[in-house]
Amino acid sequence: TKVDEGVKLAEQAGEALTAIVGGAKQVTTMIQSMSAAAEEQSAAAEQISHNIESINAVTSQSVEGANQAAAAAAQLSSKSEELQRLVGQFKLATTVGNAGKTDKSSGRQTKKTAAA
């Protein structure tokens, strides 16, 4: 009868609704899992970004230190050249081997000088 058919259709509709609710729960669970994974990825990306910033800071400090070392080396080289020029202005009349001997050209006693 028509009542039996209506009951049968209502049961089928109920079963379909139960399947739809079950599918919706699965979709909700999947969306929650995707959200949790996205949060984890975001936290990892933030940590990576922080680490890169730290590496950049250390690299900048290294570059600055290298520049300072290069400037110091250039200054040391310049001072060394200046010192060499200044020392080159001294003329040593005698060497240690001639200490205490008389200079034949002037007849004067030579002084003992220390050579570096």
N, C-alpha and C. Protein backbone atom coordinates (compact mmCIF):
# COMPACT_ATOMS: atom_id res chain seq x y z
N THR A 1 0.82 -1.18 0.00
CA THR A 1 0.00 0.00 0.00
C THR A 1 0.87 1.25 0.00
N LYS A 2 0.12 2.34 -0.11
CA LYS A 2 0.82 3.62 -0.18
C LYS A 2 1.46 3.97 1.16
N VAL A 3 0.87 3.56 2.22
CA VAL A 3 1.42 3.83 3.55
C VAL A 3 2.73 3.06 3.71
N ASP A 4 2.73 1.80 3.27
CA ASP A 4 3.95 1.00 3.35
C ASP A 4 5.07 1.61 2.51
N GLU A 5 4.69 2.09 1.32
CA GLU A 5 5.68 2.73 0.46
C GLU A 5 6.21 4.00 1.13
N GLY A 6 5.33 4.77 1.76
CA GLY A 6 5.74 6.00 2.45
C GLY A 6 6.68 5.69 3.61
N VAL A 7 6.39 4.62 4.35
CA VAL A 7 7.24 4.21 5.47
C VAL A 7 8.60 3.79 4.94
N LYS A 8 8.58 3.04 3.85
CA LYS A 8 9.83 2.56 3.25
C LYS A 8 10.67 3.74 2.78
N LEU A 9 10.03 4.72 2.13
CA LEU A 9 10.75 5.90 1.66
C LEU A 9 11.29 6.72 2.83
N ALA A 10 10.51 6.80 3.89
CA ALA A 10 10.96 7.54 5.08
C ALA A 10 12.18 6.86 5.71
N GLU A 11 12.17 5.53 5.74
CA GLU A 11 13.32 4.79 6.28
C GLU A 11 14.56 5.02 5.42
N GLN A 12 14.37 5.00 4.10
CA GLN A 12 15.50 5.25 3.19
C GLN A 12 16.02 6.68 3.36
N ALA A 13 15.11 7.62 3.52
CA ALA A 13 15.53 9.01 3.73
C ALA A 13 16.30 9.14 5.05
N GLY A 14 15.86 8.44 6.06
CA GLY A 14 16.55 8.44 7.36
C GLY A 14 17.95 7.87 7.24
N GLU A 15 18.06 6.75 6.51
CA GLU A 15 19.37 6.14 6.30
C GLU A 15 20.28 7.10 5.52
N ALA A 16 19.72 7.77 4.52
CA ALA A 16 20.51 8.72 3.73
C ALA A 16 20.97 9.88 4.60
N LEU A 17 20.07 10.37 5.46
CA LEU A 17 20.44 11.47 6.37
C LEU A 17 21.54 11.02 7.35
N THR A 18 21.42 9.79 7.84
CA THR A 18 22.45 9.25 8.73
C THR A 18 23.80 9.19 8.02
N ALA A 19 23.81 8.76 6.76
CA ALA A 19 25.05 8.71 5.97
C ALA A 19 25.60 10.12 5.74
N ILE A 20 24.71 11.07 5.49
CA ILE A 20 25.14 12.47 5.27
C ILE A 20 25.77 13.03 6.54
N VAL A 21 25.15 12.78 7.69
CA VAL A 21 25.69 13.26 8.97
C VAL A 21 27.06 12.62 9.22
N GLY A 22 27.19 11.33 8.96
CA GLY A 22 28.49 10.65 9.12
C GLY A 22 29.55 11.26 8.21
N GLY A 23 29.18 11.55 6.96
CA GLY A 23 30.12 12.17 6.02
C GLY A 23 30.51 13.57 6.47
N ALA A 24 29.54 14.31 7.01
CA ALA A 24 29.82 15.66 7.50
C ALA A 24 30.79 15.62 8.67
N LYS A 25 30.63 14.61 9.54
CA LYS A 25 31.55 14.46 10.68
C LYS A 25 32.97 14.16 10.18
N GLN A 26 33.08 13.31 9.16
CA GLN A 26 34.40 13.00 8.59
C GLN A 26 35.04 14.26 7.99
N VAL A 27 34.23 15.05 7.27
CA VAL A 27 34.74 16.29 6.67
C VAL A 27 35.21 17.24 7.78
N THR A 28 34.43 17.35 8.85
CA THR A 28 34.80 18.22 9.97
C THR A 28 36.12 17.76 10.59
N THR A 29 36.28 16.45 10.77
CA THR A 29 37.53 15.90 11.33
C THR A 29 38.71 16.22 10.41
N MET A 30 38.51 16.07 9.09
CA MET A 30 39.58 16.38 8.14
C MET A 30 39.95 17.86 8.18
N ILE A 31 38.96 18.72 8.25
CA ILE A 31 39.21 20.17 8.30
C ILE A 31 39.98 20.53 9.58
N GLN A 32 39.61 19.90 10.70
CA GLN A 32 40.32 20.16 11.95
C GLN A 32 41.77 19.69 11.85
N SER A 33 42.01 18.55 11.22
CA SER A 33 43.38 18.04 11.03
C SER A 33 44.18 18.99 10.14
N MET A 34 43.54 19.48 9.08
CA MET A 34 44.22 20.41 8.17
C MET A 34 44.56 21.71 8.90
N SER A 35 43.65 22.18 9.73
CA SER A 35 43.88 23.40 10.50
C SER A 35 45.05 23.23 11.47
N ALA A 36 45.09 22.09 12.16
CA ALA A 36 46.19 21.82 13.09
C ALA A 36 47.52 21.74 12.35
N ALA A 37 47.53 21.09 11.19
CA ALA A 37 48.76 20.99 10.39
C ALA A 37 49.20 22.36 9.90
N ALA A 38 48.25 23.21 9.50
CA ALA A 38 48.59 24.56 9.04
C ALA A 38 49.19 25.38 10.18
N GLU A 39 48.66 25.22 11.39
CA GLU A 39 49.21 25.92 12.56
C GLU A 39 50.64 25.46 12.85
N GLU A 40 50.88 24.16 12.76
CA GLU A 40 52.23 23.64 12.97
C GLU A 40 53.19 24.18 11.92
N GLN A 41 52.75 24.20 10.67
CA GLN A 41 53.60 24.72 9.59
C GLN A 41 53.88 26.21 9.80
N SER A 42 52.90 26.94 10.25
CA SER A 42 53.07 28.37 10.51
C SER A 42 54.10 28.59 11.62
N ALA A 43 54.01 27.79 12.68
CA ALA A 43 54.98 27.90 13.78
C ALA A 43 56.38 27.55 13.30
N ALA A 44 56.49 26.51 12.48
CA ALA A 44 57.80 26.11 11.95
C ALA A 44 58.36 27.20 11.03
N ALA A 45 57.51 27.79 10.20
CA ALA A 45 57.95 28.87 9.30
C ALA A 45 58.41 30.08 10.11
N GLU A 46 57.72 30.38 11.19
CA GLU A 46 58.13 31.49 12.06
C GLU A 46 59.49 31.21 12.69
N GLN A 47 59.71 29.99 13.13
CA GLN A 47 61.00 29.62 13.72
C GLN A 47 62.11 29.71 12.68
N ILE A 48 61.84 29.26 11.48
CA ILE A 48 62.83 29.35 10.39
C ILE A 48 63.16 30.81 10.11
N SER A 49 62.14 31.64 10.06
CA SER A 49 62.34 33.07 9.82
C SER A 49 63.22 33.68 10.92
N HIS A 50 62.94 33.32 12.16
CA HIS A 50 63.74 33.82 13.29
C HIS A 50 65.20 33.36 13.16
N ASN A 51 65.39 32.10 12.78
CA ASN A 51 66.75 31.57 12.62
C ASN A 51 67.49 32.28 11.49
N ILE A 52 66.79 32.57 10.41
CA ILE A 52 67.41 33.29 9.29
C ILE A 52 67.82 34.69 9.73
N GLU A 53 66.97 35.36 10.51
CA GLU A 53 67.31 36.68 11.03
C GLU A 53 68.56 36.60 11.90
N SER A 54 68.66 35.56 12.72
CA SER A 54 69.85 35.38 13.57
C SER A 54 71.09 35.17 12.72
N ILE A 55 70.97 34.35 11.68
CA ILE A 55 72.10 34.10 10.79
C ILE A 55 72.52 35.40 10.10
N ASN A 56 71.54 36.19 9.66
CA ASN A 56 71.85 37.48 9.02
C ASN A 56 72.58 38.41 9.99
N ALA A 57 72.16 38.43 11.25
CA ALA A 57 72.81 39.28 12.25
C ALA A 57 74.26 38.84 12.46
N VAL A 58 74.48 37.54 12.58
CA VAL A 58 75.84 37.02 12.77
C VAL A 58 76.69 37.31 11.54
N THR A 59 76.11 37.15 10.36
CA THR A 59 76.84 37.44 9.12
C THR A 59 77.23 38.91 9.06
N SER A 60 76.31 39.79 9.44
CA SER A 60 76.61 41.22 9.45
C SER A 60 77.74 41.54 10.42
N GLN A 61 77.70 40.91 11.59
CA GLN A 61 78.77 41.11 12.57
C GLN A 61 80.10 40.59 12.03
N SER A 62 80.07 39.47 11.34
CA SER A 62 81.30 38.91 10.76
C SER A 62 81.87 39.85 9.70
N VAL A 63 81.00 40.38 8.87
CA VAL A 63 81.44 41.33 7.83
C VAL A 63 82.04 42.56 8.48
N GLU A 64 81.37 43.07 9.51
CA GLU A 64 81.88 44.25 10.21
C GLU A 64 83.24 43.95 10.84
N GLY A 65 83.37 42.79 11.45
CA GLY A 65 84.66 42.40 12.05
C GLY A 65 85.75 42.26 10.99
N ALA A 66 85.40 41.68 9.85
CA ALA A 66 86.39 41.54 8.77
C ALA A 66 86.80 42.90 8.24
N ASN A 67 85.85 43.82 8.12
CA ASN A 67 86.18 45.17 7.66
C ASN A 67 87.09 45.88 8.66
N GLN A 68 86.80 45.71 9.93
CA GLN A 68 87.65 46.32 10.96
C GLN A 68 89.05 45.71 10.93
N ALA A 69 89.13 44.40 10.75
CA ALA A 69 90.44 43.74 10.68
C ALA A 69 91.21 44.22 9.45
N ALA A 70 90.53 44.39 8.33
CA ALA A 70 91.19 44.87 7.12
C ALA A 70 91.68 46.30 7.32
N ALA A 71 90.86 47.14 7.96
CA ALA A 71 91.27 48.52 8.23
C ALA A 71 92.47 48.55 9.18
N ALA A 72 92.45 47.70 10.19
CA ALA A 72 93.57 47.63 11.13
C ALA A 72 94.83 47.15 10.43
N ALA A 73 94.70 46.17 9.55
CA ALA A 73 95.86 45.66 8.81
C ALA A 73 96.44 46.75 7.90
N ALA A 74 95.55 47.51 7.25
CA ALA A 74 96.02 48.59 6.38
C ALA A 74 96.73 49.66 7.20
N GLN A 75 96.17 49.98 8.35
CA GLN A 75 96.80 50.99 9.22
C GLN A 75 98.14 50.48 9.75
N LEU A 76 98.19 49.21 10.13
CA LEU A 76 99.44 48.63 10.60
C LEU A 76 100.49 48.63 9.49
N SER A 77 100.09 48.33 8.29
CA SER A 77 101.01 48.36 7.15
C SER A 77 101.54 49.76 6.92
N SER A 78 100.65 50.74 7.00
CA SER A 78 101.04 52.14 6.81
C SER A 78 102.02 52.57 7.90
N LYS A 79 101.72 52.21 9.15
CA LYS A 79 102.62 52.57 10.26
C LYS A 79 103.96 51.85 10.12
N SER A 80 103.93 50.63 9.65
CA SER A 80 105.16 49.87 9.45
C SER A 80 106.03 50.54 8.38
N GLU A 81 105.39 50.96 7.29
CA GLU A 81 106.13 51.66 6.24
C GLU A 81 106.71 52.98 6.75
N GLU A 82 105.92 53.70 7.56
CA GLU A 82 106.40 54.96 8.12
C GLU A 82 107.57 54.72 9.06
N LEU A 83 107.47 53.70 9.89
CA LEU A 83 108.56 53.36 10.81
C LEU A 83 109.80 52.97 10.03
N GLN A 84 109.63 52.18 8.98
CA GLN A 84 110.77 51.78 8.16
C GLN A 84 111.43 53.00 7.53
N ARG A 85 110.62 53.96 7.06
CA ARG A 85 111.16 55.19 6.47
C ARG A 85 111.93 55.98 7.51
N LEU A 86 111.36 56.09 8.73
CA LEU A 86 112.03 56.84 9.79
C LEU A 86 113.34 56.19 10.21
N VAL A 87 113.33 54.88 10.37
CA VAL A 87 114.56 54.16 10.76
C VAL A 87 115.60 54.28 9.64
N GLY A 88 115.14 54.31 8.40
CA GLY A 88 116.06 54.43 7.27
C GLY A 88 116.79 55.75 7.24
N GLN A 89 116.29 56.75 7.96
CA GLN A 89 116.95 58.05 7.99
C GLN A 89 118.22 58.02 8.85
N PHE A 90 118.31 57.08 9.75
CA PHE A 90 119.50 56.99 10.60
C PHE A 90 120.64 56.36 9.81
N LYS A 91 121.78 56.97 9.89
CA LYS A 91 122.97 56.42 9.24
C LYS A 91 123.90 55.97 10.34
N LEU A 92 124.21 54.72 10.35
CA LEU A 92 125.09 54.17 11.37
C LEU A 92 126.53 54.33 10.92
N ALA A 93 127.32 55.02 11.74
CA ALA A 93 128.71 55.28 11.40
C ALA A 93 129.54 54.02 11.53
N THR A 94 129.20 53.19 12.48
CA THR A 94 129.98 51.98 12.70
C THR A 94 129.05 50.82 12.95
N THR A 95 129.60 49.65 12.92
CA THR A 95 128.84 48.45 13.26
C THR A 95 129.38 47.89 14.54
N VAL A 96 128.75 46.91 15.10
CA VAL A 96 129.18 46.31 16.35
C VAL A 96 130.58 45.73 16.21
N GLY A 97 130.93 45.22 15.06
CA GLY A 97 132.25 44.64 14.84
C GLY A 97 133.38 45.66 14.93
N ASN A 98 133.11 46.93 14.73
CA ASN A 98 134.12 47.99 14.79
C ASN A 98 134.12 48.71 16.12
N ALA A 99 133.41 48.24 17.10
CA ALA A 99 133.29 48.92 18.39
C ALA A 99 134.66 49.06 19.04
N GLY A 100 134.94 50.28 19.54
CA GLY A 100 136.17 50.53 20.27
C GLY A 100 137.37 50.81 19.37
N LYS A 101 137.22 50.80 18.07
CA LYS A 101 138.33 51.06 17.16
C LYS A 101 138.31 52.53 16.76
N THR A 102 139.40 53.00 16.25
CA THR A 102 139.52 54.39 15.84
C THR A 102 139.10 54.51 14.39
N ASP A 103 138.29 55.54 14.12
CA ASP A 103 137.88 55.82 12.76
C ASP A 103 139.07 56.44 12.05
N LYS A 104 139.57 55.80 10.99
CA LYS A 104 140.79 56.23 10.31
C LYS A 104 140.63 57.58 9.63
N SER A 105 139.44 57.89 9.15
CA SER A 105 139.29 59.16 8.44
C SER A 105 139.26 60.35 9.38
N SER A 106 138.74 60.22 10.61
CA SER A 106 138.66 61.36 11.52
C SER A 106 139.62 61.25 12.68
N GLY A 107 140.12 60.07 12.96
CA GLY A 107 141.03 59.86 14.07
C GLY A 107 140.31 59.81 15.40
N ARG A 108 139.01 59.77 15.38
CA ARG A 108 138.26 59.72 16.64
C ARG A 108 137.94 58.29 17.02
N GLN A 109 137.78 58.11 18.32
CA GLN A 109 137.38 56.80 18.86
C GLN A 109 135.92 56.56 18.47
N THR A 110 135.61 55.38 17.94
CA THR A 110 134.22 55.06 17.57
C THR A 110 133.49 54.52 18.78
N LYS A 111 132.19 54.75 18.82
CA LYS A 111 131.36 54.24 19.92
C LYS A 111 130.72 52.94 19.50
N LYS A 112 130.46 52.14 20.47
CA LYS A 112 129.78 50.86 20.22
C LYS A 112 128.30 51.15 19.99
N THR A 113 127.78 50.71 18.86
CA THR A 113 126.35 50.90 18.56
C THR A 113 125.69 49.56 18.46
N ALA A 114 124.47 49.52 18.87
CA ALA A 114 123.71 48.26 18.83
C ALA A 114 122.90 48.22 17.54
N ALA A 115 123.02 47.13 16.84
CA ALA A 115 122.22 46.95 15.62
C ALA A 115 121.03 46.08 15.95
N ALA A 116 119.87 46.36 15.36
CA ALA A 116 118.67 45.59 15.65
C ALA A 116 118.67 44.30 14.91
